[in-house]
Amino acid sequence: MKRLSRITSAALVMTALAAGQAFAHAHLKSAVPEDKASVSAPAELDLTFTEELNLKFSGVKVSGPDKADVSLGDASLKDEGKVLAVPISATLAPGEYTVDWHVLSTDGHKTNGSYTFSVKP
């Protein structure tokens, strides 16, 4: 019975540790422009994450309606390192744009994702 109790305790500890690690990643909390939003041509993307980011290993790629890459400026961090701000160098034409992002949180976890927004005519 003691052995079963130890095995059960160890399993519970391992489960708790694994669950804690799953929450330790920088997840996209919000974005400007928002996912699936229809907006006037933005001058900057602001992606807010749940954790501080390492700017050196974080970035964004934006592709336009013709699938060509959009010219972007140098990214910077705002709001205690949780907001990745990326200036858009070009004027965006009307159509749908895809934002592909990848980040490394300061605790060393990588995450990535994508979303779309549209520029109104």
N, C-alpha and C. Protein backbone atom coordinates (compact mmCIF):
# COMPACT_ATOMS: atom_id res chain seq x y z
N MET A 1 0.81 -1.19 0.00
CA MET A 1 0.00 0.00 0.00
C MET A 1 0.86 1.26 0.00
N LYS A 2 2.00 1.22 0.76
CA LYS A 2 2.89 2.36 0.79
C LYS A 2 3.45 2.66 -0.61
N ARG A 3 3.78 1.61 -1.31
CA ARG A 3 4.35 1.78 -2.65
C ARG A 3 3.34 2.44 -3.59
N LEU A 4 2.09 2.01 -3.54
CA LEU A 4 1.03 2.60 -4.37
C LEU A 4 0.85 4.08 -4.03
N SER A 5 0.92 4.40 -2.77
CA SER A 5 0.78 5.79 -2.32
C SER A 5 1.93 6.64 -2.87
N ARG A 6 3.16 6.11 -2.85
CA ARG A 6 4.31 6.84 -3.39
C ARG A 6 4.20 7.03 -4.90
N ILE A 7 3.76 6.00 -5.58
CA ILE A 7 3.60 6.09 -7.04
C ILE A 7 2.54 7.12 -7.39
N THR A 8 1.43 7.10 -6.66
CA THR A 8 0.36 8.07 -6.89
C THR A 8 0.85 9.49 -6.62
N SER A 9 1.58 9.67 -5.54
CA SER A 9 2.12 11.00 -5.20
C SER A 9 3.08 11.48 -6.28
N ALA A 10 3.96 10.60 -6.73
CA ALA A 10 4.91 10.97 -7.78
C ALA A 10 4.18 11.34 -9.07
N ALA A 11 3.15 10.60 -9.41
CA ALA A 11 2.38 10.90 -10.61
C ALA A 11 1.71 12.27 -10.51
N LEU A 12 1.18 12.58 -9.35
CA LEU A 12 0.54 13.89 -9.14
C LEU A 12 1.54 15.03 -9.26
N VAL A 13 2.73 14.84 -8.71
CA VAL A 13 3.78 15.86 -8.80
C VAL A 13 4.19 16.07 -10.25
N MET A 14 4.39 14.98 -10.98
CA MET A 14 4.78 15.08 -12.40
C MET A 14 3.71 15.79 -13.22
N THR A 15 2.46 15.48 -12.96
CA THR A 15 1.35 16.13 -13.67
C THR A 15 1.33 17.62 -13.38
N ALA A 16 1.53 18.00 -12.13
CA ALA A 16 1.53 19.42 -11.75
C ALA A 16 2.69 20.15 -12.42
N LEU A 17 3.86 19.53 -12.47
CA LEU A 17 5.01 20.16 -13.12
C LEU A 17 4.77 20.33 -14.61
N ALA A 18 4.22 19.32 -15.25
CA ALA A 18 3.94 19.41 -16.68
C ALA A 18 2.90 20.50 -16.97
N ALA A 19 1.89 20.60 -16.16
CA ALA A 19 0.87 21.63 -16.34
C ALA A 19 1.47 23.02 -16.15
N GLY A 20 2.37 23.17 -15.19
CA GLY A 20 3.02 24.45 -14.95
C GLY A 20 3.86 24.88 -16.14
N GLN A 21 4.55 23.94 -16.76
CA GLN A 21 5.36 24.27 -17.93
C GLN A 21 4.49 24.68 -19.11
N ALA A 22 3.32 24.12 -19.25
CA ALA A 22 2.44 24.48 -20.36
C ALA A 22 1.99 25.92 -20.25
N PHE A 23 1.87 26.43 -19.02
CA PHE A 23 1.45 27.81 -18.84
C PHE A 23 2.63 28.78 -18.88
N ALA A 24 3.84 28.30 -19.01
CA ALA A 24 5.02 29.14 -18.96
C ALA A 24 5.43 29.67 -20.34
N HIS A 25 4.62 29.53 -21.33
CA HIS A 25 4.93 30.02 -22.66
C HIS A 25 4.29 31.38 -22.88
N ALA A 26 4.90 32.17 -23.76
CA ALA A 26 4.33 33.47 -24.11
C ALA A 26 3.25 33.27 -25.16
N HIS A 27 2.01 33.44 -24.76
CA HIS A 27 0.88 33.29 -25.68
C HIS A 27 0.41 34.66 -26.13
N LEU A 28 -0.04 34.74 -27.37
CA LEU A 28 -0.57 36.00 -27.90
C LEU A 28 -1.87 36.30 -27.17
N LYS A 29 -1.89 37.42 -26.48
CA LYS A 29 -3.05 37.83 -25.69
C LYS A 29 -3.98 38.72 -26.50
N SER A 30 -3.39 39.64 -27.28
CA SER A 30 -4.18 40.52 -28.14
C SER A 30 -3.27 41.10 -29.22
N ALA A 31 -3.89 41.64 -30.23
CA ALA A 31 -3.13 42.24 -31.33
C ALA A 31 -3.88 43.44 -31.87
N VAL A 32 -3.11 44.42 -32.36
CA VAL A 32 -3.66 45.58 -33.04
C VAL A 32 -2.93 45.68 -34.36
N PRO A 33 -3.62 45.53 -35.48
CA PRO A 33 -5.04 45.21 -35.64
C PRO A 33 -5.36 43.80 -35.12
N GLU A 34 -6.61 43.63 -34.73
CA GLU A 34 -7.08 42.36 -34.19
C GLU A 34 -7.24 41.30 -35.29
N ASP A 35 -7.28 40.06 -34.85
CA ASP A 35 -7.54 38.94 -35.76
C ASP A 35 -8.89 39.13 -36.44
N LYS A 36 -8.90 39.00 -37.73
CA LYS A 36 -10.09 39.09 -38.59
C LYS A 36 -10.72 40.49 -38.61
N ALA A 37 -9.98 41.51 -38.17
CA ALA A 37 -10.49 42.88 -38.18
C ALA A 37 -10.39 43.47 -39.59
N SER A 38 -11.26 44.42 -39.87
CA SER A 38 -11.20 45.19 -41.11
C SER A 38 -10.89 46.63 -40.70
N VAL A 39 -9.71 47.11 -41.10
CA VAL A 39 -9.19 48.39 -40.61
C VAL A 39 -8.68 49.26 -41.75
N SER A 40 -8.46 50.54 -41.43
CA SER A 40 -7.70 51.41 -42.33
C SER A 40 -6.25 50.95 -42.26
N ALA A 41 -5.46 51.29 -43.25
CA ALA A 41 -4.07 50.82 -43.30
C ALA A 41 -3.32 51.20 -42.02
N PRO A 42 -2.87 50.21 -41.23
CA PRO A 42 -2.15 50.51 -39.99
C PRO A 42 -0.70 50.91 -40.26
N ALA A 43 -0.13 51.69 -39.37
CA ALA A 43 1.27 52.08 -39.47
C ALA A 43 2.16 51.18 -38.61
N GLU A 44 1.52 50.40 -37.71
CA GLU A 44 2.27 49.56 -36.80
C GLU A 44 1.42 48.38 -36.35
N LEU A 45 2.09 47.28 -36.07
CA LEU A 45 1.45 46.12 -35.44
C LEU A 45 1.88 46.11 -33.98
N ASP A 46 0.95 45.89 -33.08
CA ASP A 46 1.25 45.75 -31.66
C ASP A 46 0.71 44.41 -31.20
N LEU A 47 1.60 43.48 -30.91
CA LEU A 47 1.21 42.14 -30.46
C LEU A 47 1.53 42.02 -28.97
N THR A 48 0.50 41.80 -28.16
CA THR A 48 0.66 41.71 -26.72
C THR A 48 0.68 40.25 -26.29
N PHE A 49 1.69 39.89 -25.52
CA PHE A 49 1.87 38.52 -25.07
C PHE A 49 1.72 38.41 -23.55
N THR A 50 1.56 37.19 -23.08
CA THR A 50 1.32 36.94 -21.66
C THR A 50 2.61 36.97 -20.83
N GLU A 51 3.76 37.00 -21.50
CA GLU A 51 5.04 37.03 -20.81
C GLU A 51 6.00 37.98 -21.50
N GLU A 52 7.08 38.33 -20.81
CA GLU A 52 8.12 39.17 -21.39
C GLU A 52 8.82 38.40 -22.51
N LEU A 53 9.24 39.14 -23.53
CA LEU A 53 9.86 38.53 -24.71
C LEU A 53 11.34 38.85 -24.79
N ASN A 54 12.06 38.00 -25.51
CA ASN A 54 13.44 38.25 -25.87
C ASN A 54 13.40 38.79 -27.30
N LEU A 55 13.66 40.07 -27.47
CA LEU A 55 13.53 40.73 -28.77
C LEU A 55 14.45 40.12 -29.82
N LYS A 56 15.64 39.73 -29.42
CA LYS A 56 16.63 39.20 -30.37
C LYS A 56 16.12 37.96 -31.11
N PHE A 57 15.25 37.19 -30.46
CA PHE A 57 14.77 35.94 -31.05
C PHE A 57 13.26 35.95 -31.32
N SER A 58 12.71 37.14 -31.49
CA SER A 58 11.28 37.28 -31.76
C SER A 58 11.11 38.10 -33.03
N GLY A 59 10.06 37.81 -33.78
CA GLY A 59 9.85 38.56 -35.01
C GLY A 59 8.49 38.32 -35.63
N VAL A 60 8.24 39.10 -36.69
CA VAL A 60 6.97 39.08 -37.39
C VAL A 60 7.24 39.15 -38.89
N LYS A 61 6.43 38.43 -39.63
CA LYS A 61 6.44 38.52 -41.09
C LYS A 61 4.99 38.79 -41.49
N VAL A 62 4.80 39.75 -42.39
CA VAL A 62 3.45 40.07 -42.88
C VAL A 62 3.45 39.85 -44.39
N SER A 63 2.45 39.13 -44.86
CA SER A 63 2.30 38.94 -46.31
C SER A 63 0.95 39.49 -46.74
N GLY A 64 0.93 40.05 -47.94
CA GLY A 64 -0.26 40.73 -48.44
C GLY A 64 -1.14 39.87 -49.30
N PRO A 65 -2.15 40.50 -49.91
CA PRO A 65 -3.12 39.79 -50.74
C PRO A 65 -2.46 39.01 -51.89
N ASP A 66 -1.32 39.52 -52.37
CA ASP A 66 -0.61 38.87 -53.47
C ASP A 66 0.43 37.87 -52.95
N LYS A 67 0.42 37.61 -51.63
CA LYS A 67 1.34 36.69 -50.94
C LYS A 67 2.77 37.22 -50.85
N ALA A 68 3.00 38.46 -51.30
CA ALA A 68 4.32 39.07 -51.20
C ALA A 68 4.54 39.59 -49.78
N ASP A 69 5.80 39.55 -49.33
CA ASP A 69 6.12 40.06 -47.99
C ASP A 69 5.99 41.57 -47.96
N VAL A 70 5.48 42.08 -46.85
CA VAL A 70 5.33 43.52 -46.62
C VAL A 70 6.60 44.02 -45.94
N SER A 71 7.08 45.20 -46.35
CA SER A 71 8.26 45.80 -45.76
C SER A 71 7.95 46.30 -44.34
N LEU A 72 8.75 45.83 -43.38
CA LEU A 72 8.55 46.18 -41.98
C LEU A 72 9.79 46.86 -41.43
N GLY A 73 9.60 47.70 -40.41
CA GLY A 73 10.72 48.33 -39.73
C GLY A 73 11.23 47.41 -38.62
N ASP A 74 12.16 47.92 -37.85
CA ASP A 74 12.74 47.14 -36.76
C ASP A 74 11.74 47.04 -35.60
N ALA A 75 11.58 45.84 -35.10
CA ALA A 75 10.67 45.59 -33.98
C ALA A 75 11.28 46.15 -32.70
N SER A 76 10.39 46.49 -31.77
CA SER A 76 10.82 46.94 -30.44
C SER A 76 9.85 46.37 -29.41
N LEU A 77 10.23 46.48 -28.15
CA LEU A 77 9.37 46.00 -27.07
C LEU A 77 8.82 47.19 -26.28
N LYS A 78 7.57 47.06 -25.86
CA LYS A 78 6.89 48.07 -25.04
C LYS A 78 6.27 47.37 -23.83
N ASP A 79 5.75 48.18 -22.93
CA ASP A 79 4.98 47.68 -21.78
C ASP A 79 5.66 46.51 -21.06
N GLU A 80 6.83 46.82 -20.49
CA GLU A 80 7.58 45.84 -19.71
C GLU A 80 7.97 44.60 -20.51
N GLY A 81 8.17 44.78 -21.83
CA GLY A 81 8.64 43.69 -22.67
C GLY A 81 7.61 42.70 -23.12
N LYS A 82 6.33 43.00 -22.89
CA LYS A 82 5.27 42.07 -23.28
C LYS A 82 4.59 42.43 -24.60
N VAL A 83 4.88 43.61 -25.14
CA VAL A 83 4.28 44.04 -26.40
C VAL A 83 5.37 44.14 -27.46
N LEU A 84 5.21 43.38 -28.52
CA LEU A 84 6.11 43.43 -29.66
C LEU A 84 5.52 44.43 -30.65
N ALA A 85 6.20 45.56 -30.82
CA ALA A 85 5.75 46.63 -31.71
C ALA A 85 6.56 46.58 -33.00
N VAL A 86 5.85 46.49 -34.13
CA VAL A 86 6.52 46.36 -35.42
C VAL A 86 5.98 47.42 -36.37
N PRO A 87 6.81 48.42 -36.73
CA PRO A 87 6.35 49.44 -37.68
C PRO A 87 6.19 48.84 -39.08
N ILE A 88 5.18 49.32 -39.78
CA ILE A 88 4.95 48.89 -41.16
C ILE A 88 5.49 50.00 -42.06
N SER A 89 6.53 49.68 -42.85
CA SER A 89 7.21 50.68 -43.67
C SER A 89 6.42 51.08 -44.91
N ALA A 90 5.66 50.16 -45.46
CA ALA A 90 4.92 50.41 -46.69
C ALA A 90 3.48 50.79 -46.39
N THR A 91 2.84 51.48 -47.32
CA THR A 91 1.41 51.74 -47.20
C THR A 91 0.69 50.50 -47.71
N LEU A 92 -0.19 49.97 -46.89
CA LEU A 92 -0.87 48.74 -47.26
C LEU A 92 -2.06 49.01 -48.17
N ALA A 93 -2.12 48.28 -49.26
CA ALA A 93 -3.24 48.37 -50.19
C ALA A 93 -4.42 47.58 -49.62
N PRO A 94 -5.62 47.85 -50.07
CA PRO A 94 -6.78 47.07 -49.60
C PRO A 94 -6.60 45.58 -49.87
N GLY A 95 -7.10 44.77 -48.97
CA GLY A 95 -7.02 43.32 -49.10
C GLY A 95 -6.72 42.66 -47.77
N GLU A 96 -6.54 41.33 -47.82
CA GLU A 96 -6.29 40.55 -46.61
C GLU A 96 -4.80 40.34 -46.41
N TYR A 97 -4.37 40.49 -45.16
CA TYR A 97 -2.97 40.34 -44.79
C TYR A 97 -2.84 39.25 -43.73
N THR A 98 -1.74 38.51 -43.82
CA THR A 98 -1.45 37.46 -42.84
C THR A 98 -0.24 37.87 -42.02
N VAL A 99 -0.38 37.77 -40.71
CA VAL A 99 0.70 38.07 -39.78
C VAL A 99 1.20 36.75 -39.21
N ASP A 100 2.44 36.41 -39.50
CA ASP A 100 3.09 35.22 -38.93
C ASP A 100 4.09 35.71 -37.89
N TRP A 101 3.94 35.25 -36.66
CA TRP A 101 4.83 35.69 -35.59
C TRP A 101 5.51 34.50 -34.93
N HIS A 102 6.68 34.78 -34.39
CA HIS A 102 7.41 33.81 -33.57
C HIS A 102 8.08 34.59 -32.44
N VAL A 103 8.01 34.06 -31.24
CA VAL A 103 8.61 34.74 -30.10
C VAL A 103 9.33 33.75 -29.20
N LEU A 104 10.28 34.29 -28.46
CA LEU A 104 10.96 33.55 -27.42
C LEU A 104 10.75 34.34 -26.13
N SER A 105 10.14 33.70 -25.15
CA SER A 105 9.94 34.38 -23.87
C SER A 105 11.26 34.43 -23.12
N THR A 106 11.37 35.34 -22.16
CA THR A 106 12.62 35.48 -21.42
C THR A 106 12.98 34.24 -20.62
N ASP A 107 12.01 33.35 -20.40
CA ASP A 107 12.34 32.11 -19.70
C ASP A 107 12.74 30.99 -20.66
N GLY A 108 12.86 31.32 -21.96
CA GLY A 108 13.40 30.38 -22.93
C GLY A 108 12.40 29.54 -23.71
N HIS A 109 11.11 29.81 -23.59
CA HIS A 109 10.11 29.04 -24.33
C HIS A 109 9.74 29.72 -25.64
N LYS A 110 9.71 28.94 -26.72
CA LYS A 110 9.36 29.45 -28.05
C LYS A 110 7.88 29.18 -28.33
N THR A 111 7.22 30.16 -28.95
CA THR A 111 5.86 29.96 -29.46
C THR A 111 5.75 30.69 -30.79
N ASN A 112 4.77 30.29 -31.57
CA ASN A 112 4.53 30.97 -32.85
C ASN A 112 3.06 30.85 -33.21
N GLY A 113 2.66 31.61 -34.19
CA GLY A 113 1.29 31.56 -34.64
C GLY A 113 1.06 32.53 -35.78
N SER A 114 -0.17 32.65 -36.18
CA SER A 114 -0.51 33.58 -37.25
C SER A 114 -1.96 34.02 -37.11
N TYR A 115 -2.27 35.13 -37.74
CA TYR A 115 -3.64 35.61 -37.81
C TYR A 115 -3.77 36.50 -39.03
N THR A 116 -4.99 36.87 -39.37
CA THR A 116 -5.23 37.71 -40.54
C THR A 116 -6.02 38.95 -40.16
N PHE A 117 -5.85 39.98 -40.95
CA PHE A 117 -6.68 41.17 -40.87
C PHE A 117 -6.83 41.71 -42.28
N SER A 118 -7.82 42.56 -42.49
CA SER A 118 -8.07 43.13 -43.81
C SER A 118 -7.95 44.65 -43.75
N VAL A 119 -7.43 45.20 -44.84
CA VAL A 119 -7.38 46.66 -44.99
C VAL A 119 -8.53 47.05 -45.88
N LYS A 120 -9.33 48.01 -45.38
CA LYS A 120 -10.50 48.47 -46.13
C LYS A 120 -10.08 49.30 -47.34
N PRO A 121 -10.90 49.25 -48.38
CA PRO A 121 -10.60 50.10 -49.56
C PRO A 121 -10.78 51.57 -49.24
